[in-house]
């Protein structure tokens, strides 16, 4: 019950964040920066990027006990996954994982 309440509170907080906080360096988000589902599947099948589950497993090793909320394959710069998690303390963290190597690039 506590866990469900914590998740609901975190999701509610996410819904009310100002859009400016979500933008990098004052720029608006461009939806073309994400791979579509079909493009992501094709990139994985051609060997250009690793499967999302491998990126998620790398994040879980770095943040044991964290709950994965969302994963997106991004095309800005080199291909990378953004894995959104809730850590053990209830903090939301966006972890960038290189989609070719599985190396964790950054977290914020």
Protein backbone atom coordinates (compact mmCIF):
# COMPACT_ATOMS: atom_id res chain seq x y z
CA UNK A 1 0.00 0.00 0.00
CA UNK A 2 2.82 2.41 0.89
CA UNK A 3 4.57 1.65 -2.38
CA UNK A 4 1.41 2.30 -4.45
CA UNK A 5 0.84 5.59 -2.61
CA UNK A 6 4.46 6.61 -3.19
CA UNK A 7 4.19 5.83 -6.90
CA UNK A 8 0.92 7.77 -7.22
CA UNK A 9 2.45 10.77 -5.45
CA UNK A 10 5.53 10.66 -7.69
CA UNK A 11 3.44 10.46 -10.85
CA UNK A 12 1.25 13.34 -9.67
CA UNK A 13 4.35 15.44 -9.03
CA UNK A 14 5.61 14.65 -12.52
CA UNK A 15 2.34 15.75 -14.07
CA UNK A 16 2.58 19.22 -12.53
CA UNK A 17 6.21 20.01 -13.39
CA UNK A 18 6.59 23.12 -15.53
CA UNK A 19 7.56 22.41 -19.13
CA UNK A 20 10.67 24.56 -18.82
CA UNK A 21 12.16 22.10 -16.32
CA UNK A 22 11.83 19.27 -18.82
CA UNK A 23 13.63 21.14 -21.58
CA UNK A 24 17.41 20.93 -21.91
CA UNK A 25 19.25 24.27 -21.79
CA UNK A 26 16.09 26.29 -22.37
CA UNK A 27 15.19 24.51 -25.61
CA UNK A 28 11.78 23.02 -26.29
CA UNK A 29 11.50 19.24 -26.70
CA UNK A 30 11.45 18.06 -30.30
CA UNK A 31 9.38 14.86 -30.75
CA UNK A 32 11.58 13.93 -33.73
CA UNK A 33 14.42 13.35 -31.26
CA UNK A 34 12.83 10.01 -30.29
CA UNK A 35 12.79 6.85 -32.33
CA UNK A 36 9.32 5.62 -33.24
CA UNK A 37 8.49 2.08 -32.15
CA UNK A 38 9.08 0.80 -35.68
CA UNK A 39 12.38 2.67 -36.02
CA UNK A 40 13.59 1.35 -32.65
CA UNK A 41 12.70 -2.21 -33.62
CA UNK A 42 14.49 -1.87 -36.96
CA UNK A 43 17.59 -0.35 -35.31
CA UNK A 44 17.69 -3.20 -32.78
CA UNK A 45 17.22 -5.89 -35.42
CA UNK A 46 19.96 -4.42 -37.60
CA UNK A 47 22.36 -4.39 -34.65
CA UNK A 48 22.69 -0.59 -34.50
CA UNK A 49 21.42 -0.48 -30.90
CA UNK A 50 21.11 -2.96 -28.06
CA UNK A 51 17.71 -4.13 -26.81
CA UNK A 52 16.04 -1.86 -24.26
CA UNK A 53 16.06 -4.65 -21.66
CA UNK A 54 19.90 -4.64 -21.73
CA UNK A 55 19.93 -0.89 -21.02
CA UNK A 56 17.39 -1.40 -18.23
CA UNK A 57 19.52 -4.19 -16.73
CA UNK A 58 22.56 -1.87 -16.72
CA UNK A 59 20.54 0.75 -14.84
CA UNK A 60 19.25 -1.84 -12.36
CA UNK A 61 22.83 -2.91 -11.62
CA UNK A 62 23.78 0.72 -10.96
CA UNK A 63 20.61 1.47 -8.94
CA UNK A 64 19.58 -1.73 -7.14
CA UNK A 65 16.01 -1.66 -5.86
CA UNK A 66 14.96 1.14 -8.23
CA UNK A 67 11.68 0.90 -10.10
CA UNK A 68 11.78 1.51 -13.85
CA UNK A 69 9.05 3.94 -14.91
CA UNK A 70 9.78 4.46 -18.61
CA UNK A 71 12.39 3.85 -21.30
CA UNK A 72 12.86 5.82 -24.53
CA UNK A 73 15.33 5.47 -27.36
CA UNK A 74 16.62 8.91 -28.35
CA UNK A 75 18.40 9.94 -31.53
CA UNK A 76 19.94 13.28 -30.45
CA UNK A 77 23.71 12.97 -30.67
CA UNK A 78 24.64 9.31 -30.54
CA UNK A 79 21.73 6.91 -29.95
CA UNK A 80 20.98 6.53 -26.26
CA UNK A 81 18.26 5.27 -23.98
CA UNK A 82 16.72 7.46 -21.33
CA UNK A 83 15.61 5.15 -18.53
CA UNK A 84 13.39 6.95 -15.99
CA UNK A 85 13.48 5.35 -12.55
CA UNK A 86 12.32 5.88 -8.98
CA UNK A 87 15.19 5.13 -6.63
CA UNK A 88 14.78 3.62 -3.16
CA UNK A 89 14.28 7.09 -1.68
CA UNK A 90 11.48 7.96 -4.10
CA UNK A 91 13.61 10.30 -6.23
CA UNK A 92 12.91 10.33 -9.96
CA UNK A 93 16.11 9.98 -11.97
CA UNK A 94 16.59 10.03 -15.74
CA UNK A 95 19.55 7.79 -16.57
CA UNK A 96 21.16 8.08 -20.03
CA UNK A 97 22.56 4.80 -21.35
CA UNK A 98 24.62 4.52 -24.55
CA UNK A 99 22.44 2.42 -26.89
CA UNK A 100 25.45 0.82 -28.55
CA UNK A 101 27.64 -0.09 -25.57
CA UNK A 102 25.27 -0.14 -22.57
CA UNK A 103 27.55 2.29 -20.69
CA UNK A 104 25.76 4.66 -18.32
CA UNK A 105 26.47 8.16 -19.62
CA UNK A 106 24.77 10.36 -17.01
CA UNK A 107 21.98 10.60 -14.48
CA UNK A 108 19.91 13.53 -13.31
